[in-house]
Amino acid sequence: MTEPNATARRSIGVAIGIPEPYHRELQGWRERLGDPNARRIVPHITLLPPSEVDPDTLAAIDEHLRKVAADEDSFDIRLRGSATFQPVSPVVFVPLVQGIADCERLEAKVRSGPLQRDVRFPYHPHVTVAHDLPADALDRAFAMLSTYEAAFRVCGFTLFEQGADEAWRPQRDYVFGAEGLPGPMSEPAAVERREPPLPDRGW
């Protein structure tokens, strides 16, 4: 019988969360469009895409993220309209019109040290609202979100980890100018899933 691998690599990501009421709005759009990832991925702006790491590097990663956050100040983000990565990738997203340079600076700092890795495409901060859907659904998402707007202040970022069910769950928050709030660094299965309330199903 094969013994369980106690040192199996862990899949993590780092992102800026989207606050309410925009979190619920964007989650609602993704669910209503039938995006298969809607219940596994909360609305966010990626700073580090999904990355496999060894468990014994988590302490160094935690310290790295603490230092990045401690050296940052809060900034404003404004989202407006819709855009797409088609035909390169079947994605419709809400772009940033304010806070782009802040996200670019933060992404470069996060993706360094123990989290240094190559990426396929240049960094482009955004909030995905439709992914891996038929062309007509992507077109509908693009049209319906063309007038969307949101504005909020960013005061930190979050470390996420993917569980065995492929859902991404927050593990620890890192507050700008602070040391980072305490949070679990346990196996994903031990972390309670935190889902936002389901939005109204009407268009």
N, C-alpha and C. Protein backbone atom coordinates (compact mmCIF):
# COMPACT_ATOMS: atom_id res chain seq x y z
N MET A 1 0.84 -1.19 0.00
CA MET A 1 0.00 0.00 0.00
C MET A 1 0.88 1.24 0.00
N THR A 2 0.54 2.19 -0.83
CA THR A 2 1.32 3.42 -0.92
C THR A 2 0.98 4.35 0.22
N GLU A 3 2.01 4.85 0.90
CA GLU A 3 1.81 5.79 1.99
C GLU A 3 1.44 7.17 1.44
N PRO A 4 0.54 7.92 2.11
CA PRO A 4 0.22 9.28 1.68
C PRO A 4 1.46 10.14 1.68
N ASN A 5 1.55 11.03 0.72
CA ASN A 5 2.70 11.92 0.61
C ASN A 5 2.49 13.11 1.52
N ALA A 6 3.17 13.10 2.68
CA ALA A 6 2.99 14.16 3.68
C ALA A 6 3.60 15.47 3.23
N THR A 7 4.48 15.41 2.22
CA THR A 7 5.14 16.63 1.77
C THR A 7 4.68 17.02 0.37
N ALA A 8 3.46 16.65 0.02
CA ALA A 8 2.93 16.99 -1.30
C ALA A 8 2.95 18.49 -1.50
N ARG A 9 3.26 18.91 -2.71
CA ARG A 9 3.32 20.33 -3.01
C ARG A 9 1.95 20.96 -2.86
N ARG A 10 1.94 22.22 -2.49
CA ARG A 10 0.71 22.97 -2.24
C ARG A 10 0.54 24.01 -3.35
N SER A 11 -0.69 24.26 -3.74
CA SER A 11 -0.99 25.24 -4.78
C SER A 11 -1.51 26.51 -4.12
N ILE A 12 -0.77 27.61 -4.29
CA ILE A 12 -1.13 28.87 -3.66
C ILE A 12 -1.25 29.98 -4.70
N GLY A 13 -1.85 31.07 -4.30
CA GLY A 13 -1.94 32.27 -5.11
C GLY A 13 -2.06 33.47 -4.19
N VAL A 14 -1.77 34.64 -4.70
CA VAL A 14 -1.87 35.87 -3.91
C VAL A 14 -2.72 36.85 -4.72
N ALA A 15 -3.67 37.50 -4.04
CA ALA A 15 -4.60 38.37 -4.76
C ALA A 15 -5.14 39.47 -3.87
N ILE A 16 -5.64 40.52 -4.51
CA ILE A 16 -6.38 41.58 -3.84
C ILE A 16 -7.86 41.20 -3.90
N GLY A 17 -8.49 41.11 -2.77
CA GLY A 17 -9.91 40.78 -2.74
C GLY A 17 -10.77 41.97 -3.13
N ILE A 18 -11.95 41.70 -3.62
CA ILE A 18 -12.90 42.75 -3.99
C ILE A 18 -13.91 42.91 -2.86
N PRO A 19 -14.05 44.11 -2.29
CA PRO A 19 -14.96 44.30 -1.15
C PRO A 19 -16.42 44.36 -1.58
N GLU A 20 -17.31 44.25 -0.59
CA GLU A 20 -18.74 44.45 -0.85
C GLU A 20 -19.02 45.94 -1.08
N PRO A 21 -20.04 46.26 -1.87
CA PRO A 21 -21.01 45.33 -2.49
C PRO A 21 -20.54 44.76 -3.82
N TYR A 22 -19.35 45.13 -4.25
CA TYR A 22 -18.87 44.73 -5.57
C TYR A 22 -18.55 43.23 -5.64
N HIS A 23 -18.09 42.67 -4.52
CA HIS A 23 -17.83 41.23 -4.47
C HIS A 23 -19.08 40.46 -4.87
N ARG A 24 -20.19 40.78 -4.23
CA ARG A 24 -21.44 40.07 -4.51
C ARG A 24 -21.91 40.33 -5.94
N GLU A 25 -21.78 41.57 -6.41
CA GLU A 25 -22.21 41.88 -7.77
C GLU A 25 -21.44 41.06 -8.80
N LEU A 26 -20.10 41.06 -8.69
CA LEU A 26 -19.27 40.37 -9.67
C LEU A 26 -19.41 38.86 -9.55
N GLN A 27 -19.55 38.35 -8.33
CA GLN A 27 -19.81 36.92 -8.15
C GLN A 27 -21.14 36.54 -8.79
N GLY A 28 -22.12 37.42 -8.63
CA GLY A 28 -23.42 37.16 -9.22
C GLY A 28 -23.38 37.10 -10.73
N TRP A 29 -22.64 38.01 -11.34
CA TRP A 29 -22.50 37.99 -12.80
C TRP A 29 -21.88 36.67 -13.25
N ARG A 30 -20.84 36.26 -12.57
CA ARG A 30 -20.13 35.04 -12.98
C ARG A 30 -21.02 33.81 -12.84
N GLU A 31 -21.81 33.77 -11.78
CA GLU A 31 -22.71 32.63 -11.58
C GLU A 31 -23.83 32.62 -12.62
N ARG A 32 -24.43 33.78 -12.88
CA ARG A 32 -25.54 33.85 -13.81
C ARG A 32 -25.11 33.53 -15.24
N LEU A 33 -23.87 33.82 -15.56
CA LEU A 33 -23.36 33.51 -16.89
C LEU A 33 -23.01 32.02 -17.04
N GLY A 34 -23.03 31.29 -15.92
CA GLY A 34 -22.75 29.87 -15.97
C GLY A 34 -21.29 29.51 -15.98
N ASP A 35 -20.44 30.42 -15.49
CA ASP A 35 -19.00 30.14 -15.44
C ASP A 35 -18.74 28.97 -14.50
N PRO A 36 -18.09 27.90 -14.98
CA PRO A 36 -17.84 26.72 -14.14
C PRO A 36 -16.91 27.00 -12.96
N ASN A 37 -16.19 28.12 -13.01
CA ASN A 37 -15.26 28.47 -11.93
C ASN A 37 -15.90 29.36 -10.87
N ALA A 38 -17.15 29.74 -11.06
CA ALA A 38 -17.77 30.75 -10.20
C ALA A 38 -17.76 30.38 -8.72
N ARG A 39 -18.03 29.14 -8.39
CA ARG A 39 -18.12 28.75 -6.99
C ARG A 39 -16.77 28.35 -6.41
N ARG A 40 -15.74 28.32 -7.24
CA ARG A 40 -14.41 27.92 -6.77
C ARG A 40 -13.45 29.10 -6.61
N ILE A 41 -13.78 30.22 -7.29
CA ILE A 41 -12.87 31.35 -7.29
C ILE A 41 -13.65 32.62 -6.98
N VAL A 42 -13.28 33.32 -5.92
CA VAL A 42 -13.97 34.57 -5.57
C VAL A 42 -13.43 35.70 -6.43
N PRO A 43 -14.19 36.80 -6.61
CA PRO A 43 -13.69 37.94 -7.39
C PRO A 43 -12.40 38.48 -6.78
N HIS A 44 -11.43 38.76 -7.64
CA HIS A 44 -10.12 39.19 -7.13
C HIS A 44 -9.30 39.82 -8.25
N ILE A 45 -8.21 40.46 -7.84
CA ILE A 45 -7.18 40.95 -8.76
C ILE A 45 -5.92 40.16 -8.44
N THR A 46 -5.45 39.38 -9.37
CA THR A 46 -4.31 38.49 -9.13
C THR A 46 -3.01 39.28 -8.96
N LEU A 47 -2.23 38.86 -7.96
CA LEU A 47 -0.87 39.36 -7.79
C LEU A 47 0.14 38.24 -8.06
N LEU A 48 -0.23 37.02 -7.70
CA LEU A 48 0.58 35.83 -8.00
C LEU A 48 -0.36 34.76 -8.52
N PRO A 49 -0.20 34.31 -9.77
CA PRO A 49 -1.09 33.27 -10.30
C PRO A 49 -0.85 31.95 -9.59
N PRO A 50 -1.72 30.96 -9.79
CA PRO A 50 -1.55 29.66 -9.12
C PRO A 50 -0.13 29.14 -9.25
N SER A 51 0.46 28.80 -8.11
CA SER A 51 1.86 28.38 -8.07
C SER A 51 2.02 27.22 -7.10
N GLU A 52 2.69 26.19 -7.53
CA GLU A 52 2.95 25.05 -6.66
C GLU A 52 4.22 25.31 -5.85
N VAL A 53 4.12 25.08 -4.54
CA VAL A 53 5.26 25.30 -3.65
C VAL A 53 5.41 24.11 -2.71
N ASP A 54 6.61 23.92 -2.19
CA ASP A 54 6.84 22.88 -1.18
C ASP A 54 6.35 23.38 0.17
N PRO A 55 5.75 22.51 0.98
CA PRO A 55 5.26 22.93 2.29
C PRO A 55 6.33 23.57 3.16
N ASP A 56 7.58 23.10 3.02
CA ASP A 56 8.63 23.63 3.89
C ASP A 56 9.07 25.04 3.49
N THR A 57 8.50 25.60 2.40
CA THR A 57 8.82 26.98 2.02
C THR A 57 7.74 27.95 2.49
N LEU A 58 6.65 27.45 3.11
CA LEU A 58 5.54 28.32 3.49
C LEU A 58 5.96 29.37 4.51
N ALA A 59 6.83 29.01 5.43
CA ALA A 59 7.27 29.99 6.43
C ALA A 59 8.02 31.14 5.77
N ALA A 60 8.90 30.81 4.82
CA ALA A 60 9.66 31.85 4.12
C ALA A 60 8.72 32.69 3.26
N ILE A 61 7.72 32.07 2.65
CA ILE A 61 6.75 32.81 1.85
C ILE A 61 5.95 33.75 2.72
N ASP A 62 5.54 33.28 3.90
CA ASP A 62 4.80 34.11 4.83
C ASP A 62 5.62 35.34 5.24
N GLU A 63 6.89 35.13 5.56
CA GLU A 63 7.74 36.24 5.96
C GLU A 63 7.95 37.21 4.80
N HIS A 64 8.12 36.69 3.61
CA HIS A 64 8.27 37.52 2.41
C HIS A 64 7.05 38.41 2.21
N LEU A 65 5.86 37.83 2.30
CA LEU A 65 4.63 38.59 2.09
C LEU A 65 4.41 39.61 3.20
N ARG A 66 4.81 39.29 4.41
CA ARG A 66 4.72 40.25 5.52
C ARG A 66 5.57 41.48 5.22
N LYS A 67 6.79 41.25 4.74
CA LYS A 67 7.70 42.36 4.44
C LYS A 67 7.18 43.20 3.29
N VAL A 68 6.61 42.55 2.26
CA VAL A 68 6.04 43.30 1.14
C VAL A 68 4.92 44.20 1.63
N ALA A 69 4.01 43.64 2.43
CA ALA A 69 2.87 44.40 2.92
C ALA A 69 3.30 45.53 3.84
N ALA A 70 4.29 45.27 4.68
CA ALA A 70 4.73 46.27 5.66
C ALA A 70 5.27 47.53 4.99
N ASP A 71 5.76 47.38 3.75
CA ASP A 71 6.38 48.50 3.04
C ASP A 71 5.41 49.21 2.09
N GLU A 72 4.13 48.84 2.14
CA GLU A 72 3.14 49.40 1.22
C GLU A 72 2.17 50.33 1.94
N ASP A 73 1.60 51.25 1.17
CA ASP A 73 0.53 52.13 1.66
C ASP A 73 -0.75 51.83 0.89
N SER A 74 -1.89 52.13 1.49
CA SER A 74 -3.16 51.90 0.82
C SER A 74 -3.27 52.74 -0.45
N PHE A 75 -4.06 52.27 -1.40
CA PHE A 75 -4.27 52.99 -2.66
C PHE A 75 -5.68 52.72 -3.17
N ASP A 76 -6.11 53.52 -4.13
CA ASP A 76 -7.46 53.41 -4.67
C ASP A 76 -7.47 52.64 -5.99
N ILE A 77 -8.52 51.86 -6.17
CA ILE A 77 -8.76 51.15 -7.42
C ILE A 77 -10.12 51.56 -7.96
N ARG A 78 -10.19 51.78 -9.26
CA ARG A 78 -11.46 52.03 -9.92
C ARG A 78 -11.57 51.06 -11.09
N LEU A 79 -12.71 50.36 -11.15
CA LEU A 79 -13.01 49.44 -12.24
C LEU A 79 -14.04 50.10 -13.15
N ARG A 80 -13.90 49.87 -14.46
CA ARG A 80 -14.87 50.47 -15.36
C ARG A 80 -14.95 49.67 -16.67
N GLY A 81 -16.20 49.36 -17.06
CA GLY A 81 -16.44 48.75 -18.36
C GLY A 81 -16.07 47.29 -18.43
N SER A 82 -15.90 46.79 -19.64
CA SER A 82 -15.55 45.39 -19.88
C SER A 82 -14.49 45.31 -20.96
N ALA A 83 -13.75 44.21 -20.94
CA ALA A 83 -12.70 43.97 -21.93
C ALA A 83 -12.54 42.46 -22.06
N THR A 84 -11.72 42.04 -23.01
CA THR A 84 -11.55 40.60 -23.24
C THR A 84 -10.12 40.30 -23.66
N PHE A 85 -9.70 39.07 -23.37
CA PHE A 85 -8.40 38.58 -23.83
C PHE A 85 -8.55 37.74 -25.10
N GLN A 86 -9.75 37.65 -25.63
CA GLN A 86 -9.93 36.90 -26.87
C GLN A 86 -9.16 37.57 -28.01
N PRO A 87 -8.67 36.80 -28.97
CA PRO A 87 -8.77 35.35 -29.14
C PRO A 87 -7.67 34.56 -28.43
N VAL A 88 -6.77 35.25 -27.72
CA VAL A 88 -5.68 34.55 -27.05
C VAL A 88 -6.21 33.65 -25.95
N SER A 89 -7.20 34.15 -25.19
CA SER A 89 -7.76 33.39 -24.08
C SER A 89 -9.25 33.72 -23.96
N PRO A 90 -10.10 32.71 -23.67
CA PRO A 90 -11.55 32.93 -23.59
C PRO A 90 -11.95 33.56 -22.27
N VAL A 91 -11.60 34.83 -22.10
CA VAL A 91 -11.82 35.54 -20.84
C VAL A 91 -12.44 36.90 -21.11
N VAL A 92 -13.47 37.24 -20.34
CA VAL A 92 -14.01 38.59 -20.30
C VAL A 92 -13.78 39.12 -18.89
N PHE A 93 -13.35 40.37 -18.79
CA PHE A 93 -12.98 40.91 -17.49
C PHE A 93 -13.37 42.38 -17.38
N VAL A 94 -13.37 42.86 -16.14
CA VAL A 94 -13.55 44.29 -15.87
C VAL A 94 -12.16 44.87 -15.66
N PRO A 95 -11.77 45.86 -16.47
CA PRO A 95 -10.42 46.42 -16.37
C PRO A 95 -10.32 47.51 -15.30
N LEU A 96 -9.12 47.77 -14.87
CA LEU A 96 -8.83 48.88 -13.97
C LEU A 96 -8.60 50.14 -14.79
N VAL A 97 -9.15 51.26 -14.31
CA VAL A 97 -8.85 52.55 -14.90
C VAL A 97 -8.11 53.43 -13.89
N GLN A 98 -7.96 52.94 -12.66
CA GLN A 98 -7.17 53.61 -11.64
C GLN A 98 -6.56 52.53 -10.75
N GLY A 99 -5.31 52.73 -10.37
CA GLY A 99 -4.62 51.77 -9.51
C GLY A 99 -3.76 50.78 -10.28
N ILE A 100 -3.64 50.95 -11.59
CA ILE A 100 -2.87 50.01 -12.40
C ILE A 100 -1.40 50.00 -11.97
N ALA A 101 -0.79 51.17 -11.86
CA ALA A 101 0.63 51.25 -11.51
C ALA A 101 0.87 50.69 -10.12
N ASP A 102 -0.08 50.92 -9.18
CA ASP A 102 0.08 50.37 -7.83
C ASP A 102 0.05 48.85 -7.86
N CYS A 103 -0.87 48.28 -8.64
CA CYS A 103 -0.93 46.82 -8.75
C CYS A 103 0.31 46.26 -9.42
N GLU A 104 0.81 46.94 -10.43
CA GLU A 104 2.02 46.48 -11.12
C GLU A 104 3.21 46.47 -10.17
N ARG A 105 3.34 47.53 -9.37
CA ARG A 105 4.44 47.58 -8.40
C ARG A 105 4.31 46.46 -7.37
N LEU A 106 3.09 46.26 -6.87
CA LEU A 106 2.84 45.25 -5.85
C LEU A 106 3.07 43.84 -6.39
N GLU A 107 2.63 43.61 -7.62
CA GLU A 107 2.82 42.30 -8.24
C GLU A 107 4.30 41.97 -8.38
N ALA A 108 5.09 42.95 -8.79
CA ALA A 108 6.53 42.72 -8.96
C ALA A 108 7.20 42.39 -7.62
N LYS A 109 6.76 43.04 -6.55
CA LYS A 109 7.33 42.77 -5.22
C LYS A 109 6.90 41.41 -4.70
N VAL A 110 5.61 41.06 -4.90
CA VAL A 110 5.13 39.75 -4.45
C VAL A 110 5.83 38.64 -5.21
N ARG A 111 5.94 38.79 -6.53
CA ARG A 111 6.54 37.74 -7.36
C ARG A 111 8.07 37.90 -7.41
N SER A 112 8.66 37.83 -6.22
CA SER A 112 10.12 37.92 -6.07
C SER A 112 10.51 37.03 -4.90
N GLY A 113 11.81 36.95 -4.64
CA GLY A 113 12.28 36.13 -3.52
C GLY A 113 11.79 34.70 -3.62
N PRO A 114 11.18 34.16 -2.55
CA PRO A 114 10.72 32.77 -2.60
C PRO A 114 9.57 32.54 -3.56
N LEU A 115 8.96 33.60 -4.06
CA LEU A 115 7.86 33.47 -5.02
C LEU A 115 8.27 33.90 -6.42
N GLN A 116 9.57 33.98 -6.67
CA GLN A 116 10.05 34.31 -8.01
C GLN A 116 9.65 33.21 -8.99
N ARG A 117 9.01 33.60 -10.08
CA ARG A 117 8.61 32.64 -11.11
C ARG A 117 8.39 33.37 -12.41
N ASP A 118 8.51 32.65 -13.51
CA ASP A 118 8.24 33.22 -14.82
C ASP A 118 6.73 33.15 -15.10
N VAL A 119 6.25 34.10 -15.89
CA VAL A 119 4.85 34.10 -16.29
C VAL A 119 4.77 34.14 -17.81
N ARG A 120 3.66 33.61 -18.34
CA ARG A 120 3.52 33.49 -19.80
C ARG A 120 3.24 34.83 -20.47
N PHE A 121 2.51 35.69 -19.77
CA PHE A 121 2.10 36.96 -20.38
C PHE A 121 2.47 38.12 -19.47
N PRO A 122 2.64 39.31 -20.03
CA PRO A 122 2.88 40.50 -19.19
C PRO A 122 1.73 40.69 -18.21
N TYR A 123 2.05 41.21 -17.03
CA TYR A 123 1.04 41.40 -16.00
C TYR A 123 0.02 42.45 -16.44
N HIS A 124 -1.26 42.11 -16.24
CA HIS A 124 -2.35 43.00 -16.62
C HIS A 124 -3.44 42.91 -15.56
N PRO A 125 -3.45 43.78 -14.56
CA PRO A 125 -4.42 43.66 -13.47
C PRO A 125 -5.86 43.80 -13.97
N HIS A 126 -6.74 42.91 -13.50
CA HIS A 126 -8.13 42.89 -13.96
C HIS A 126 -8.94 42.00 -13.02
N VAL A 127 -10.27 42.02 -13.21
CA VAL A 127 -11.18 41.14 -12.46
C VAL A 127 -11.94 40.30 -13.47
N THR A 128 -11.69 39.01 -13.49
CA THR A 128 -12.36 38.11 -14.42
C THR A 128 -13.84 37.94 -14.06
N VAL A 129 -14.70 37.99 -15.08
CA VAL A 129 -16.14 37.76 -14.85
C VAL A 129 -16.66 36.60 -15.70
N ALA A 130 -15.92 36.14 -16.68
CA ALA A 130 -16.33 35.00 -17.49
C ALA A 130 -15.10 34.33 -18.07
N HIS A 131 -15.04 33.01 -17.94
CA HIS A 131 -13.87 32.26 -18.39
C HIS A 131 -14.32 30.87 -18.83
N ASP A 132 -13.75 30.39 -19.93
CA ASP A 132 -14.05 29.05 -20.43
C ASP A 132 -15.54 28.87 -20.72
N LEU A 133 -16.15 29.86 -21.34
CA LEU A 133 -17.55 29.79 -21.72
C LEU A 133 -17.67 29.84 -23.25
N PRO A 134 -18.80 29.40 -23.80
CA PRO A 134 -19.01 29.51 -25.25
C PRO A 134 -18.92 30.97 -25.70
N ALA A 135 -18.66 31.15 -26.97
CA ALA A 135 -18.46 32.49 -27.51
C ALA A 135 -19.66 33.39 -27.28
N ASP A 136 -20.89 32.85 -27.40
CA ASP A 136 -22.05 33.71 -27.21
C ASP A 136 -22.19 34.19 -25.78
N ALA A 137 -21.80 33.35 -24.82
CA ALA A 137 -21.85 33.75 -23.41
C ALA A 137 -20.79 34.82 -23.11
N LEU A 138 -19.63 34.67 -23.73
CA LEU A 138 -18.58 35.68 -23.55
C LEU A 138 -19.01 37.01 -24.16
N ASP A 139 -19.65 36.96 -25.31
CA ASP A 139 -20.14 38.18 -25.95
C ASP A 139 -21.20 38.85 -25.08
N ARG A 140 -22.07 38.04 -24.47
CA ARG A 140 -23.11 38.59 -23.61
C ARG A 140 -22.50 39.25 -22.38
N ALA A 141 -21.49 38.60 -21.80
CA ALA A 141 -20.82 39.16 -20.63
C ALA A 141 -20.16 40.50 -20.98
N PHE A 142 -19.52 40.54 -22.14
CA PHE A 142 -18.85 41.76 -22.59
C PHE A 142 -19.85 42.90 -22.73
N ALA A 143 -21.00 42.61 -23.33
CA ALA A 143 -22.01 43.65 -23.57
C ALA A 143 -22.66 44.10 -22.27
N MET A 144 -23.02 43.17 -21.41
CA MET A 144 -23.77 43.51 -20.20
C MET A 144 -22.93 44.23 -19.15
N LEU A 145 -21.63 44.05 -19.19
CA LEU A 145 -20.76 44.71 -18.21
C LEU A 145 -20.07 45.95 -18.78
N SER A 146 -20.48 46.36 -19.97
CA SER A 146 -19.81 47.48 -20.63
C SER A 146 -19.93 48.79 -19.86
N THR A 147 -20.95 48.92 -19.01
CA THR A 147 -21.13 50.16 -18.25
C THR A 147 -20.85 49.96 -16.76
N TYR A 148 -20.27 48.83 -16.39
CA TYR A 148 -20.03 48.55 -14.98
C TYR A 148 -18.97 49.50 -14.40
N GLU A 149 -19.18 49.92 -13.15
CA GLU A 149 -18.21 50.77 -12.45
C GLU A 149 -18.14 50.38 -10.99
N ALA A 150 -16.96 50.47 -10.42
CA ALA A 150 -16.76 50.22 -8.99
C ALA A 150 -15.50 50.96 -8.55
N ALA A 151 -15.49 51.43 -7.32
CA ALA A 151 -14.32 52.11 -6.78
C ALA A 151 -14.16 51.72 -5.32
N PHE A 152 -12.94 51.42 -4.90
CA PHE A 152 -12.70 51.03 -3.51
C PHE A 152 -11.22 51.24 -3.16
N ARG A 153 -10.95 51.25 -1.87
CA ARG A 153 -9.59 51.44 -1.38
C ARG A 153 -8.98 50.09 -1.02
N VAL A 154 -7.74 49.89 -1.40
CA VAL A 154 -7.03 48.64 -1.12
C VAL A 154 -6.11 48.85 0.07
N CYS A 155 -6.27 48.02 1.08
CA CYS A 155 -5.48 48.15 2.31
C CYS A 155 -4.62 46.92 2.58
N GLY A 156 -4.60 45.97 1.64
CA GLY A 156 -3.80 44.77 1.84
C GLY A 156 -4.10 43.74 0.77
N PHE A 157 -3.55 42.54 0.94
CA PHE A 157 -3.79 41.45 0.00
C PHE A 157 -3.90 40.14 0.78
N THR A 158 -4.23 39.06 0.08
CA THR A 158 -4.54 37.79 0.73
C THR A 158 -3.81 36.63 0.06
N LEU A 159 -3.35 35.71 0.89
CA LEU A 159 -2.78 34.45 0.41
C LEU A 159 -3.91 33.43 0.31
N PHE A 160 -4.06 32.80 -0.86
CA PHE A 160 -5.08 31.78 -1.07
C PHE A 160 -4.40 30.43 -1.28
N GLU A 161 -5.15 29.37 -0.98
CA GLU A 161 -4.67 28.02 -1.28
C GLU A 161 -5.80 27.20 -1.88
N GLN A 162 -5.45 26.36 -2.85
CA GLN A 162 -6.43 25.52 -3.51
C GLN A 162 -6.57 24.20 -2.79
N GLY A 163 -7.81 23.81 -2.50
CA GLY A 163 -8.07 22.56 -1.83
C GLY A 163 -8.21 21.40 -2.81
N ALA A 164 -8.44 20.22 -2.26
CA ALA A 164 -8.59 19.02 -3.08
C ALA A 164 -9.82 19.12 -3.99
N ASP A 165 -10.80 19.93 -3.58
CA ASP A 165 -12.00 20.12 -4.40
C ASP A 165 -11.83 21.23 -5.43
N GLU A 166 -10.60 21.74 -5.57
CA GLU A 166 -10.22 22.78 -6.53
C GLU A 166 -10.74 24.16 -6.17
N ALA A 167 -11.36 24.31 -5.02
CA ALA A 167 -11.80 25.63 -4.57
C ALA A 167 -10.63 26.38 -3.94
N TRP A 168 -10.58 27.69 -4.19
CA TRP A 168 -9.54 28.54 -3.62
C TRP A 168 -10.08 29.21 -2.36
N ARG A 169 -9.35 29.10 -1.25
CA ARG A 169 -9.81 29.63 0.02
C ARG A 169 -8.76 30.56 0.63
N PRO A 170 -9.20 31.65 1.25
CA PRO A 170 -8.25 32.57 1.89
C PRO A 170 -7.57 31.91 3.07
N GLN A 171 -6.25 32.09 3.18
CA GLN A 171 -5.47 31.51 4.26
C GLN A 171 -4.95 32.56 5.23
N ARG A 172 -4.51 33.70 4.70
CA ARG A 172 -3.96 34.75 5.56
C ARG A 172 -4.04 36.09 4.86
N ASP A 173 -4.39 37.13 5.62
CA ASP A 173 -4.44 38.49 5.10
C ASP A 173 -3.17 39.23 5.50
N TYR A 174 -2.69 40.07 4.60
CA TYR A 174 -1.51 40.90 4.86
C TYR A 174 -1.91 42.35 4.70
N VAL A 175 -1.86 43.09 5.78
CA VAL A 175 -2.33 44.47 5.80
C VAL A 175 -1.16 45.41 5.53
N PHE A 176 -1.36 46.39 4.66
CA PHE A 176 -0.31 47.34 4.35
C PHE A 176 0.13 48.09 5.61
N GLY A 177 1.43 48.24 5.74
CA GLY A 177 1.98 48.97 6.87
C GLY A 177 1.93 48.21 8.18
N ALA A 178 1.57 46.93 8.14
CA ALA A 178 1.46 46.12 9.35
C ALA A 178 2.22 44.81 9.14
N GLU A 179 2.03 43.89 10.06
CA GLU A 179 2.74 42.62 9.98
C GLU A 179 1.91 41.52 9.33
N GLY A 180 0.67 41.82 9.01
CA GLY A 180 -0.19 40.77 8.46
C GLY A 180 -1.04 40.18 9.56
N LEU A 181 -2.32 40.02 9.34
CA LEU A 181 -3.21 39.48 10.35
C LEU A 181 -2.99 37.98 10.52
N PRO A 182 -3.12 37.46 11.77
CA PRO A 182 -2.97 36.02 11.97
C PRO A 182 -3.99 35.25 11.13
N GLY A 183 -3.56 34.11 10.64
CA GLY A 183 -4.46 33.27 9.87
C GLY A 183 -3.91 31.86 9.80
N PRO A 184 -4.73 30.89 9.45
CA PRO A 184 -4.27 29.49 9.43
C PRO A 184 -3.30 29.24 8.29
N MET A 185 -2.37 28.37 8.52
CA MET A 185 -1.46 27.91 7.48
C MET A 185 -1.54 26.38 7.41
N SER A 186 -2.73 25.83 7.63
CA SER A 186 -2.94 24.40 7.71
C SER A 186 -3.28 23.83 6.34
N GLU A 187 -3.51 22.51 6.32
CA GLU A 187 -3.93 21.86 5.09
C GLU A 187 -5.26 22.46 4.64
N PRO A 188 -5.49 22.61 3.32
CA PRO A 188 -6.72 23.23 2.84
C PRO A 188 -7.98 22.57 3.37
N ALA A 189 -7.96 21.24 3.54
CA ALA A 189 -9.16 20.53 3.98
C ALA A 189 -9.61 20.96 5.37
N ALA A 190 -8.69 21.53 6.15
CA ALA A 190 -9.01 21.93 7.51
C ALA A 190 -9.56 23.34 7.59
N VAL A 191 -9.59 24.03 6.45
CA VAL A 191 -10.02 25.41 6.43
C VAL A 191 -11.49 25.49 6.05
N GLU A 192 -12.27 26.20 6.82
CA GLU A 192 -13.69 26.35 6.54
C GLU A 192 -13.88 27.17 5.28
N ARG A 193 -14.76 26.73 4.42
CA ARG A 193 -15.04 27.46 3.18
C ARG A 193 -15.87 28.68 3.49
N ARG A 194 -15.44 29.85 2.98
CA ARG A 194 -16.17 31.09 3.21
C ARG A 194 -16.75 31.56 1.89
N GLU A 195 -18.05 31.39 1.71
CA GLU A 195 -18.71 31.78 0.48
C GLU A 195 -19.62 32.97 0.73
N PRO A 196 -19.68 33.90 -0.22
CA PRO A 196 -20.60 35.03 -0.07
C PRO A 196 -22.03 34.57 -0.26
N PRO A 197 -23.00 35.29 0.26
CA PRO A 197 -24.41 34.94 0.04
C PRO A 197 -24.72 34.94 -1.45
N LEU A 198 -25.62 34.07 -1.86
CA LEU A 198 -26.00 34.02 -3.26
C LEU A 198 -26.78 35.28 -3.64
N PRO A 199 -26.47 35.89 -4.78
CA PRO A 199 -27.18 37.10 -5.20
C PRO A 199 -28.52 36.77 -5.81
N ASP A 200 -29.30 37.80 -6.02
CA ASP A 200 -30.57 37.65 -6.71
C ASP A 200 -30.30 37.14 -8.12
N ARG A 201 -31.13 36.24 -8.62
CA ARG A 201 -30.88 35.60 -9.91
C ARG A 201 -31.37 36.43 -11.09
N GLY A 202 -32.09 37.52 -10.84
CA GLY A 202 -32.56 38.32 -11.97
C GLY A 202 -31.44 39.04 -12.67
N TRP A 203 -31.62 39.33 -13.95
CA TRP A 203 -30.62 40.09 -14.70
C TRP A 203 -30.71 41.56 -14.35
